[in-house]
N, C-alpha and C. Protein backbone atom coordinates (compact mmCIF):
# COMPACT_ATOMS: atom_id res chain seq x y z
N MET A 1 -5.83 62.34 281.71
CA MET A 1 -7.12 62.52 282.29
C MET A 1 -7.82 63.78 281.82
N PHE A 2 -7.08 64.83 281.86
CA PHE A 2 -7.67 66.07 281.33
C PHE A 2 -7.27 66.22 279.88
N LYS A 3 -8.28 66.52 279.10
CA LYS A 3 -8.02 66.78 277.69
C LYS A 3 -7.82 68.26 277.49
N LYS A 4 -6.85 68.56 276.71
CA LYS A 4 -6.68 69.95 276.37
C LYS A 4 -7.59 70.25 275.21
N THR A 5 -8.33 71.30 275.37
CA THR A 5 -9.17 71.71 274.24
C THR A 5 -8.61 73.01 273.69
N HIS A 6 -8.74 73.11 272.47
CA HIS A 6 -8.28 74.33 271.81
C HIS A 6 -9.48 75.18 271.45
N GLN A 7 -9.40 76.41 271.85
CA GLN A 7 -10.45 77.33 271.45
C GLN A 7 -9.97 78.07 270.22
N VAL A 8 -10.84 78.10 269.25
CA VAL A 8 -10.52 78.83 268.04
C VAL A 8 -11.21 80.18 268.12
N LEU A 9 -10.42 81.19 268.03
CA LEU A 9 -11.01 82.53 268.02
C LEU A 9 -11.55 82.80 266.62
N ARG A 10 -12.82 83.05 266.61
CA ARG A 10 -13.43 83.34 265.32
C ARG A 10 -13.39 84.83 265.07
N ARG A 11 -13.22 85.12 263.85
CA ARG A 11 -13.20 86.51 263.46
C ARG A 11 -14.62 87.06 263.59
N PRO A 12 -14.78 88.21 264.21
CA PRO A 12 -16.13 88.76 264.35
C PRO A 12 -16.74 89.04 262.99
N ALA A 13 -18.05 88.95 262.93
CA ALA A 13 -18.77 89.17 261.68
C ALA A 13 -18.52 90.58 261.16
N ILE A 14 -18.40 91.52 262.05
CA ILE A 14 -18.14 92.89 261.63
C ILE A 14 -16.66 93.16 261.83
N THR A 15 -15.98 93.37 260.75
CA THR A 15 -14.55 93.66 260.85
C THR A 15 -14.36 95.08 261.33
N SER A 16 -13.17 95.34 261.79
CA SER A 16 -12.90 96.70 262.27
C SER A 16 -13.05 97.72 261.15
N LYS A 17 -12.75 97.32 259.93
CA LYS A 17 -12.89 98.22 258.79
C LYS A 17 -14.37 98.56 258.57
N ARG A 18 -15.22 97.55 258.62
CA ARG A 18 -16.66 97.78 258.45
C ARG A 18 -17.21 98.62 259.59
N MET A 19 -16.72 98.34 260.77
CA MET A 19 -17.18 99.08 261.93
C MET A 19 -16.79 100.55 261.81
N MET A 20 -15.59 100.82 261.33
CA MET A 20 -15.14 102.19 261.14
C MET A 20 -15.98 102.89 260.07
N MET A 21 -16.30 102.21 259.00
CA MET A 21 -17.13 102.78 257.93
C MET A 21 -18.53 103.12 258.47
N ALA A 22 -19.08 102.23 259.25
CA ALA A 22 -20.40 102.48 259.84
C ALA A 22 -20.36 103.67 260.77
N LEU A 23 -19.31 103.78 261.55
CA LEU A 23 -19.16 104.91 262.47
C LEU A 23 -19.03 106.22 261.70
N ILE A 24 -18.25 106.23 260.66
CA ILE A 24 -18.08 107.44 259.84
C ILE A 24 -19.42 107.83 259.23
N PHE A 25 -20.17 106.85 258.70
CA PHE A 25 -21.48 107.15 258.12
C PHE A 25 -22.41 107.75 259.16
N MET A 26 -22.42 107.18 260.35
CA MET A 26 -23.32 107.68 261.40
C MET A 26 -22.94 109.10 261.80
N LEU A 27 -21.67 109.42 261.74
CA LEU A 27 -21.23 110.76 262.10
C LEU A 27 -21.47 111.77 260.98
N VAL A 28 -21.33 111.34 259.73
CA VAL A 28 -21.43 112.24 258.59
C VAL A 28 -22.88 112.42 258.13
N ALA A 29 -23.70 111.39 258.20
CA ALA A 29 -25.06 111.45 257.68
C ALA A 29 -25.88 112.62 258.23
N PRO A 30 -25.86 112.88 259.53
CA PRO A 30 -26.65 114.02 260.02
C PRO A 30 -26.20 115.35 259.43
N PHE A 31 -24.88 115.50 259.20
CA PHE A 31 -24.40 116.74 258.60
C PHE A 31 -24.82 116.85 257.15
N SER A 32 -24.83 115.72 256.46
CA SER A 32 -25.28 115.71 255.07
C SER A 32 -26.74 116.13 255.00
N GLN A 33 -27.56 115.58 255.89
CA GLN A 33 -28.98 115.93 255.90
C GLN A 33 -29.15 117.39 256.32
N ALA A 34 -28.34 117.85 257.25
CA ALA A 34 -28.41 119.25 257.67
C ALA A 34 -28.07 120.17 256.50
N ASN A 35 -27.07 119.80 255.70
CA ASN A 35 -26.72 120.59 254.52
C ASN A 35 -27.87 120.59 253.53
N ASP A 36 -28.52 119.45 253.32
CA ASP A 36 -29.68 119.39 252.43
C ASP A 36 -30.80 120.28 252.95
N SER A 37 -31.05 120.25 254.24
CA SER A 37 -32.09 121.10 254.82
C SER A 37 -31.78 122.57 254.57
N ASP A 38 -30.52 122.96 254.77
CA ASP A 38 -30.11 124.34 254.52
C ASP A 38 -30.30 124.70 253.04
N ASP A 39 -29.91 123.79 252.16
CA ASP A 39 -30.04 124.03 250.72
C ASP A 39 -31.51 124.17 250.32
N VAL A 40 -32.37 123.32 250.88
CA VAL A 40 -33.80 123.39 250.59
C VAL A 40 -34.36 124.73 251.05
N LEU A 41 -34.01 125.15 252.25
CA LEU A 41 -34.51 126.43 252.76
C LEU A 41 -34.01 127.61 251.92
N LYS A 42 -32.80 127.51 251.39
CA LYS A 42 -32.28 128.56 250.51
C LYS A 42 -33.12 128.66 249.24
N VAL A 43 -33.54 127.52 248.69
CA VAL A 43 -34.39 127.53 247.49
C VAL A 43 -35.75 128.15 247.82
N VAL A 44 -36.33 127.77 248.95
CA VAL A 44 -37.63 128.31 249.34
C VAL A 44 -37.54 129.82 249.57
N GLN A 45 -36.48 130.27 250.24
CA GLN A 45 -36.31 131.71 250.47
C GLN A 45 -36.08 132.45 249.16
N ARG A 46 -35.29 131.87 248.28
CA ARG A 46 -35.04 132.50 246.96
C ARG A 46 -36.36 132.62 246.20
N TRP A 47 -37.17 131.56 246.24
CA TRP A 47 -38.50 131.58 245.60
C TRP A 47 -39.31 132.75 246.16
N ALA A 48 -39.31 132.93 247.48
CA ALA A 48 -40.06 134.01 248.12
C ALA A 48 -39.50 135.38 247.69
N ASP A 49 -38.19 135.50 247.63
CA ASP A 49 -37.56 136.77 247.27
C ASP A 49 -37.85 137.18 245.82
N LEU A 50 -38.17 136.22 244.98
CA LEU A 50 -38.39 136.50 243.55
C LEU A 50 -39.86 136.68 243.19
N GLU A 51 -40.68 137.03 244.14
CA GLU A 51 -42.13 137.14 243.88
C GLU A 51 -42.47 138.18 242.81
N THR A 52 -41.62 139.18 242.60
CA THR A 52 -41.89 140.17 241.54
C THR A 52 -41.06 139.90 240.28
N ASN A 53 -40.36 138.79 240.23
CA ASN A 53 -39.60 138.39 239.05
C ASN A 53 -39.96 136.94 238.73
N LEU A 54 -41.10 136.76 238.13
CA LEU A 54 -41.65 135.42 237.95
C LEU A 54 -40.84 134.55 237.00
N GLU A 55 -40.18 135.16 236.01
CA GLU A 55 -39.34 134.36 235.10
C GLU A 55 -38.15 133.77 235.86
N ALA A 56 -37.53 134.57 236.72
CA ALA A 56 -36.41 134.06 237.53
C ALA A 56 -36.91 133.04 238.55
N GLN A 57 -38.07 133.31 239.12
CA GLN A 57 -38.66 132.37 240.09
C GLN A 57 -38.92 131.02 239.43
N ALA A 58 -39.34 131.05 238.18
CA ALA A 58 -39.65 129.81 237.45
C ALA A 58 -38.43 128.90 237.29
N GLN A 59 -37.21 129.47 237.38
CA GLN A 59 -36.00 128.66 237.26
C GLN A 59 -35.82 127.73 238.46
N LEU A 60 -36.53 128.01 239.55
CA LEU A 60 -36.47 127.18 240.76
C LEU A 60 -37.53 126.08 240.76
N ILE A 61 -38.35 126.07 239.71
CA ILE A 61 -39.53 125.20 239.66
C ILE A 61 -39.37 124.17 238.55
N ARG A 62 -39.75 122.94 238.84
CA ARG A 62 -39.72 121.88 237.84
C ARG A 62 -40.82 122.11 236.80
N ASP A 63 -40.60 121.62 235.59
CA ASP A 63 -41.60 121.75 234.53
C ASP A 63 -42.89 121.00 234.86
N ASP A 64 -42.78 119.96 235.68
CA ASP A 64 -43.96 119.15 236.02
C ASP A 64 -44.56 119.54 237.38
N ARG A 65 -44.25 120.73 237.87
CA ARG A 65 -44.75 121.17 239.17
C ARG A 65 -46.28 121.22 239.17
N VAL A 66 -46.85 120.80 240.29
CA VAL A 66 -48.28 120.93 240.54
C VAL A 66 -48.44 122.01 241.60
N GLN A 67 -49.34 122.97 241.34
CA GLN A 67 -49.59 124.05 242.29
C GLN A 67 -51.07 124.04 242.66
N ILE A 68 -51.33 124.11 243.95
CA ILE A 68 -52.71 124.18 244.43
C ILE A 68 -52.82 125.44 245.28
N THR A 69 -53.59 126.41 244.79
CA THR A 69 -53.85 127.64 245.52
C THR A 69 -55.26 128.10 245.21
N GLY A 70 -55.90 128.71 246.17
CA GLY A 70 -57.24 129.24 245.96
C GLY A 70 -58.25 128.19 245.53
N GLY A 71 -58.02 126.95 245.95
CA GLY A 71 -58.94 125.87 245.60
C GLY A 71 -58.79 125.38 244.17
N ILE A 72 -57.74 125.82 243.47
CA ILE A 72 -57.52 125.42 242.07
C ILE A 72 -56.21 124.65 241.97
N ARG A 73 -56.26 123.52 241.27
CA ARG A 73 -55.05 122.72 241.03
C ARG A 73 -54.57 122.99 239.61
N GLN A 74 -53.31 123.37 239.50
CA GLN A 74 -52.72 123.64 238.19
C GLN A 74 -51.53 122.71 237.99
N SER A 75 -51.57 121.95 236.92
CA SER A 75 -50.51 120.97 236.69
C SER A 75 -49.69 121.27 235.43
N ASN A 76 -50.01 122.34 234.73
CA ASN A 76 -49.24 122.72 233.55
C ASN A 76 -48.42 123.96 233.91
N GLN A 77 -47.18 123.76 234.27
CA GLN A 77 -46.33 124.85 234.76
C GLN A 77 -46.17 125.94 233.71
N ALA A 78 -46.01 125.59 232.45
CA ALA A 78 -45.81 126.59 231.40
C ALA A 78 -47.04 127.50 231.29
N GLU A 79 -48.23 126.93 231.28
CA GLU A 79 -49.47 127.73 231.21
C GLU A 79 -49.68 128.52 232.49
N ASN A 80 -49.39 127.92 233.62
CA ASN A 80 -49.51 128.61 234.90
C ASN A 80 -48.61 129.84 234.93
N LEU A 81 -47.38 129.70 234.43
CA LEU A 81 -46.45 130.83 234.41
C LEU A 81 -46.99 131.95 233.52
N LYS A 82 -47.57 131.60 232.37
CA LYS A 82 -48.16 132.62 231.48
C LYS A 82 -49.26 133.39 232.21
N VAL A 83 -50.12 132.69 232.94
CA VAL A 83 -51.20 133.33 233.68
C VAL A 83 -50.64 134.22 234.78
N GLN A 84 -49.65 133.72 235.51
CA GLN A 84 -49.04 134.51 236.58
C GLN A 84 -48.42 135.80 236.04
N ILE A 85 -47.70 135.69 234.93
CA ILE A 85 -47.05 136.87 234.34
C ILE A 85 -48.10 137.86 233.84
N ALA A 86 -49.13 137.37 233.15
CA ALA A 86 -50.19 138.25 232.65
C ALA A 86 -50.90 138.96 233.81
N SER A 87 -51.19 138.23 234.87
CA SER A 87 -51.85 138.83 236.04
C SER A 87 -50.95 139.87 236.70
N PHE A 88 -49.67 139.56 236.85
CA PHE A 88 -48.74 140.49 237.46
C PHE A 88 -48.61 141.75 236.61
N ASN A 89 -48.47 141.58 235.28
CA ASN A 89 -48.35 142.73 234.39
C ASN A 89 -49.60 143.60 234.43
N ALA A 90 -50.77 142.99 234.50
CA ALA A 90 -52.02 143.76 234.60
C ALA A 90 -52.05 144.56 235.91
N MET A 91 -51.59 143.96 237.00
CA MET A 91 -51.54 144.66 238.29
C MET A 91 -50.57 145.84 238.21
N VAL A 92 -49.40 145.65 237.61
CA VAL A 92 -48.41 146.72 237.47
C VAL A 92 -49.00 147.86 236.65
N LYS A 93 -49.68 147.51 235.56
CA LYS A 93 -50.29 148.54 234.71
C LYS A 93 -51.38 149.30 235.47
N SER A 94 -52.22 148.57 236.17
CA SER A 94 -53.32 149.17 236.93
C SER A 94 -52.81 150.09 238.04
N ASP A 95 -51.73 149.66 238.71
CA ASP A 95 -51.19 150.43 239.83
C ASP A 95 -50.21 151.52 239.39
N GLY A 96 -49.81 151.50 238.12
CA GLY A 96 -48.88 152.51 237.62
C GLY A 96 -47.43 152.22 237.92
N GLY A 97 -47.11 151.00 238.31
CA GLY A 97 -45.72 150.63 238.58
C GLY A 97 -45.64 149.33 239.36
N THR A 98 -44.43 148.83 239.46
CA THR A 98 -44.18 147.57 240.16
C THR A 98 -44.33 147.77 241.67
N PRO A 99 -45.06 146.87 242.33
CA PRO A 99 -45.22 147.00 243.78
C PRO A 99 -43.94 146.58 244.51
N THR A 100 -43.83 147.01 245.74
CA THR A 100 -42.81 146.48 246.64
C THR A 100 -43.47 145.32 247.36
N MET A 101 -42.84 144.16 247.29
CA MET A 101 -43.38 142.98 247.96
C MET A 101 -42.31 142.38 248.85
N ILE A 102 -42.68 142.17 250.09
CA ILE A 102 -41.78 141.50 251.02
C ILE A 102 -42.47 140.20 251.41
N VAL A 103 -41.85 139.10 251.03
CA VAL A 103 -42.40 137.77 251.31
C VAL A 103 -41.50 137.10 252.33
N ARG A 104 -42.11 136.67 253.44
CA ARG A 104 -41.34 136.04 254.51
C ARG A 104 -41.75 134.58 254.66
N VAL A 105 -40.77 133.76 254.93
CA VAL A 105 -40.97 132.34 255.21
C VAL A 105 -40.79 132.19 256.71
N GLU A 106 -41.89 131.95 257.41
CA GLU A 106 -41.87 131.88 258.87
C GLU A 106 -42.05 130.44 259.35
N SER A 107 -41.38 130.08 260.41
CA SER A 107 -41.50 128.79 261.09
C SER A 107 -41.41 127.59 260.15
N PRO A 108 -40.39 127.54 259.30
CA PRO A 108 -40.30 126.40 258.37
C PRO A 108 -39.95 125.09 259.08
N LEU A 109 -40.57 124.03 258.62
CA LEU A 109 -40.25 122.66 259.04
C LEU A 109 -39.80 121.92 257.79
N VAL A 110 -38.62 121.33 257.85
CA VAL A 110 -38.06 120.63 256.69
C VAL A 110 -37.86 119.17 257.05
N LYS A 111 -38.34 118.29 256.18
CA LYS A 111 -38.12 116.85 256.31
C LYS A 111 -37.47 116.37 255.02
N ILE A 112 -36.37 115.65 255.15
CA ILE A 112 -35.65 115.13 253.99
C ILE A 112 -35.87 113.63 253.91
N TYR A 113 -36.25 113.15 252.74
CA TYR A 113 -36.44 111.72 252.47
C TYR A 113 -35.62 111.38 251.23
N GLY A 114 -34.33 111.20 251.42
CA GLY A 114 -33.45 110.92 250.28
C GLY A 114 -33.34 112.15 249.39
N ASN A 115 -33.81 112.03 248.15
CA ASN A 115 -33.76 113.13 247.20
C ASN A 115 -35.07 113.91 247.13
N THR A 116 -35.89 113.76 248.16
CA THR A 116 -37.17 114.48 248.24
C THR A 116 -37.22 115.22 249.57
N ALA A 117 -37.70 116.44 249.52
CA ALA A 117 -37.84 117.25 250.73
C ALA A 117 -39.27 117.78 250.81
N VAL A 118 -39.81 117.81 252.01
CA VAL A 118 -41.12 118.40 252.27
C VAL A 118 -40.90 119.56 253.22
N VAL A 119 -41.41 120.73 252.84
CA VAL A 119 -41.25 121.94 253.65
C VAL A 119 -42.63 122.50 253.95
N SER A 120 -42.89 122.74 255.21
CA SER A 120 -44.13 123.37 255.63
C SER A 120 -43.75 124.69 256.31
N PHE A 121 -44.48 125.76 255.98
CA PHE A 121 -44.15 127.06 256.56
C PHE A 121 -45.35 128.00 256.46
N ILE A 122 -45.22 129.13 257.12
CA ILE A 122 -46.21 130.20 257.01
C ILE A 122 -45.61 131.22 256.03
N ARG A 123 -46.39 131.57 255.01
CA ARG A 123 -45.96 132.57 254.03
C ARG A 123 -46.64 133.88 254.36
N LEU A 124 -45.84 134.88 254.72
CA LEU A 124 -46.36 136.21 255.03
C LEU A 124 -45.96 137.16 253.90
N VAL A 125 -46.93 137.90 253.38
CA VAL A 125 -46.66 138.83 252.28
C VAL A 125 -47.11 140.22 252.67
N ASN A 126 -46.18 141.15 252.59
CA ASN A 126 -46.51 142.57 252.72
C ASN A 126 -46.34 143.18 251.34
N SER A 127 -47.41 143.78 250.85
CA SER A 127 -47.40 144.36 249.52
C SER A 127 -47.71 145.84 249.60
N ILE A 128 -46.88 146.62 248.92
CA ILE A 128 -47.09 148.07 248.86
C ILE A 128 -47.19 148.43 247.38
N PRO A 129 -48.42 148.65 246.90
CA PRO A 129 -48.59 149.01 245.49
C PRO A 129 -47.86 150.32 245.16
N HIS A 130 -47.48 150.45 243.91
CA HIS A 130 -46.77 151.64 243.44
C HIS A 130 -47.58 152.91 243.76
N ASN A 131 -46.93 153.86 244.40
CA ASN A 131 -47.54 155.16 244.76
C ASN A 131 -48.81 155.03 245.59
N GLN A 132 -48.91 153.99 246.41
CA GLN A 132 -50.07 153.80 247.27
C GLN A 132 -49.59 153.38 248.66
N GLY A 133 -50.53 153.36 249.58
CA GLY A 133 -50.21 152.89 250.92
C GLY A 133 -50.13 151.38 250.96
N PRO A 134 -49.52 150.86 252.01
CA PRO A 134 -49.39 149.40 252.11
C PRO A 134 -50.74 148.71 252.31
N ARG A 135 -50.83 147.52 251.81
CA ARG A 135 -52.00 146.67 252.03
C ARG A 135 -51.77 145.87 253.30
N PRO A 136 -52.84 145.39 253.92
CA PRO A 136 -52.66 144.52 255.11
C PRO A 136 -51.86 143.27 254.72
N ALA A 137 -51.09 142.78 255.66
CA ALA A 137 -50.30 141.57 255.41
C ALA A 137 -51.22 140.40 255.09
N ASN A 138 -50.75 139.55 254.21
CA ASN A 138 -51.48 138.35 253.81
C ASN A 138 -50.70 137.15 254.35
N ALA A 139 -51.40 136.25 255.01
CA ALA A 139 -50.73 135.06 255.56
C ALA A 139 -51.38 133.80 255.01
N ALA A 140 -50.56 132.79 254.76
CA ALA A 140 -51.07 131.51 254.26
C ALA A 140 -50.17 130.39 254.77
N TRP A 141 -50.77 129.22 254.93
CA TRP A 141 -50.00 128.00 255.19
C TRP A 141 -49.47 127.54 253.85
N ALA A 142 -48.22 127.14 253.81
CA ALA A 142 -47.64 126.67 252.55
C ALA A 142 -46.94 125.33 252.79
N THR A 143 -47.04 124.48 251.80
CA THR A 143 -46.29 123.23 251.78
C THR A 143 -45.66 123.10 250.40
N MET A 144 -44.40 122.77 250.39
CA MET A 144 -43.69 122.53 249.13
C MET A 144 -43.02 121.17 249.19
N VAL A 145 -42.98 120.52 248.05
CA VAL A 145 -42.20 119.30 247.89
C VAL A 145 -41.12 119.65 246.88
N LEU A 146 -39.88 119.40 247.25
CA LEU A 146 -38.76 119.65 246.36
C LEU A 146 -38.07 118.33 246.05
N VAL A 147 -37.51 118.25 244.85
CA VAL A 147 -36.81 117.05 244.40
C VAL A 147 -35.39 117.46 244.02
N LYS A 148 -34.43 116.65 244.47
CA LYS A 148 -33.03 116.92 244.17
C LYS A 148 -32.61 116.08 242.96
N GLU A 149 -32.20 116.78 241.91
CA GLU A 149 -31.71 116.11 240.70
C GLU A 149 -30.44 116.82 240.25
N GLY A 150 -29.43 116.05 239.97
CA GLY A 150 -28.17 116.64 239.54
C GLY A 150 -27.58 117.60 240.56
N GLY A 151 -27.86 117.35 241.84
CA GLY A 151 -27.32 118.17 242.90
C GLY A 151 -28.12 119.42 243.22
N ASP A 152 -29.18 119.70 242.44
CA ASP A 152 -29.99 120.90 242.65
C ASP A 152 -31.39 120.54 243.13
N TRP A 153 -31.89 121.31 244.10
CA TRP A 153 -33.26 121.15 244.59
C TRP A 153 -34.18 122.03 243.76
N LYS A 154 -35.30 121.45 243.29
CA LYS A 154 -36.30 122.22 242.55
C LYS A 154 -37.68 121.91 243.11
N ILE A 155 -38.56 122.89 243.00
CA ILE A 155 -39.92 122.77 243.53
C ILE A 155 -40.76 121.90 242.59
N ALA A 156 -41.31 120.82 243.13
CA ALA A 156 -42.14 119.89 242.36
C ALA A 156 -43.62 120.03 242.69
N HIS A 157 -43.91 120.53 243.88
CA HIS A 157 -45.31 120.66 244.31
C HIS A 157 -45.40 121.82 245.28
N HIS A 158 -46.50 122.55 245.17
CA HIS A 158 -46.68 123.74 246.02
C HIS A 158 -48.16 123.85 246.34
N HIS A 159 -48.46 123.91 247.63
CA HIS A 159 -49.87 123.99 248.09
C HIS A 159 -49.97 125.14 249.09
N MET A 160 -50.95 126.02 248.87
CA MET A 160 -51.19 127.15 249.77
C MET A 160 -52.63 127.07 250.26
N SER A 161 -52.81 127.32 251.55
CA SER A 161 -54.13 127.40 252.16
C SER A 161 -54.20 128.66 253.00
N PRO A 162 -55.36 129.31 253.03
CA PRO A 162 -55.48 130.53 253.83
C PRO A 162 -55.13 130.27 255.29
N PHE A 163 -54.46 131.21 255.89
CA PHE A 163 -54.08 131.11 257.31
C PHE A 163 -55.34 131.28 258.14
N GLY A 164 -55.53 130.38 259.08
CA GLY A 164 -56.69 130.46 259.96
C GLY A 164 -57.96 129.95 259.32
N GLY A 165 -57.84 129.37 258.13
CA GLY A 165 -59.05 128.89 257.48
C GLY A 165 -58.87 127.56 256.85
């Protein structure tokens, strides 16, 4: 009268091995992104620290970097570097020596999108010309886009706008 039915236990679609891999990824991914954020901020801070050594600073910048400052867009990094060096050297000559420059990266926000990072921050510059009194601090909004290639982050885009304007 009663039929015995057999229930077949089906193997779940997600095996325990796959589930473990997914769990490991979920646990490790935030740390990986955190490490990338730290690495990106180190590049941005190094860039700021090298404001009086433009050749060394250029090592952090991609050859195809686009820079927008003072309402001017510059897309030829090699020519831009020549202009920056010539302007800096003229300032050193005019002032009688290399200035002391302290560049601070304040309130940085970092977003990582795979091998691309976007950093927004306030750039504060205190400049003390050689044998002169300090100039008032200069503040600007800055945005950088960095690209990770071969394990290294480099600056691909840089935009500065006057603070409060």
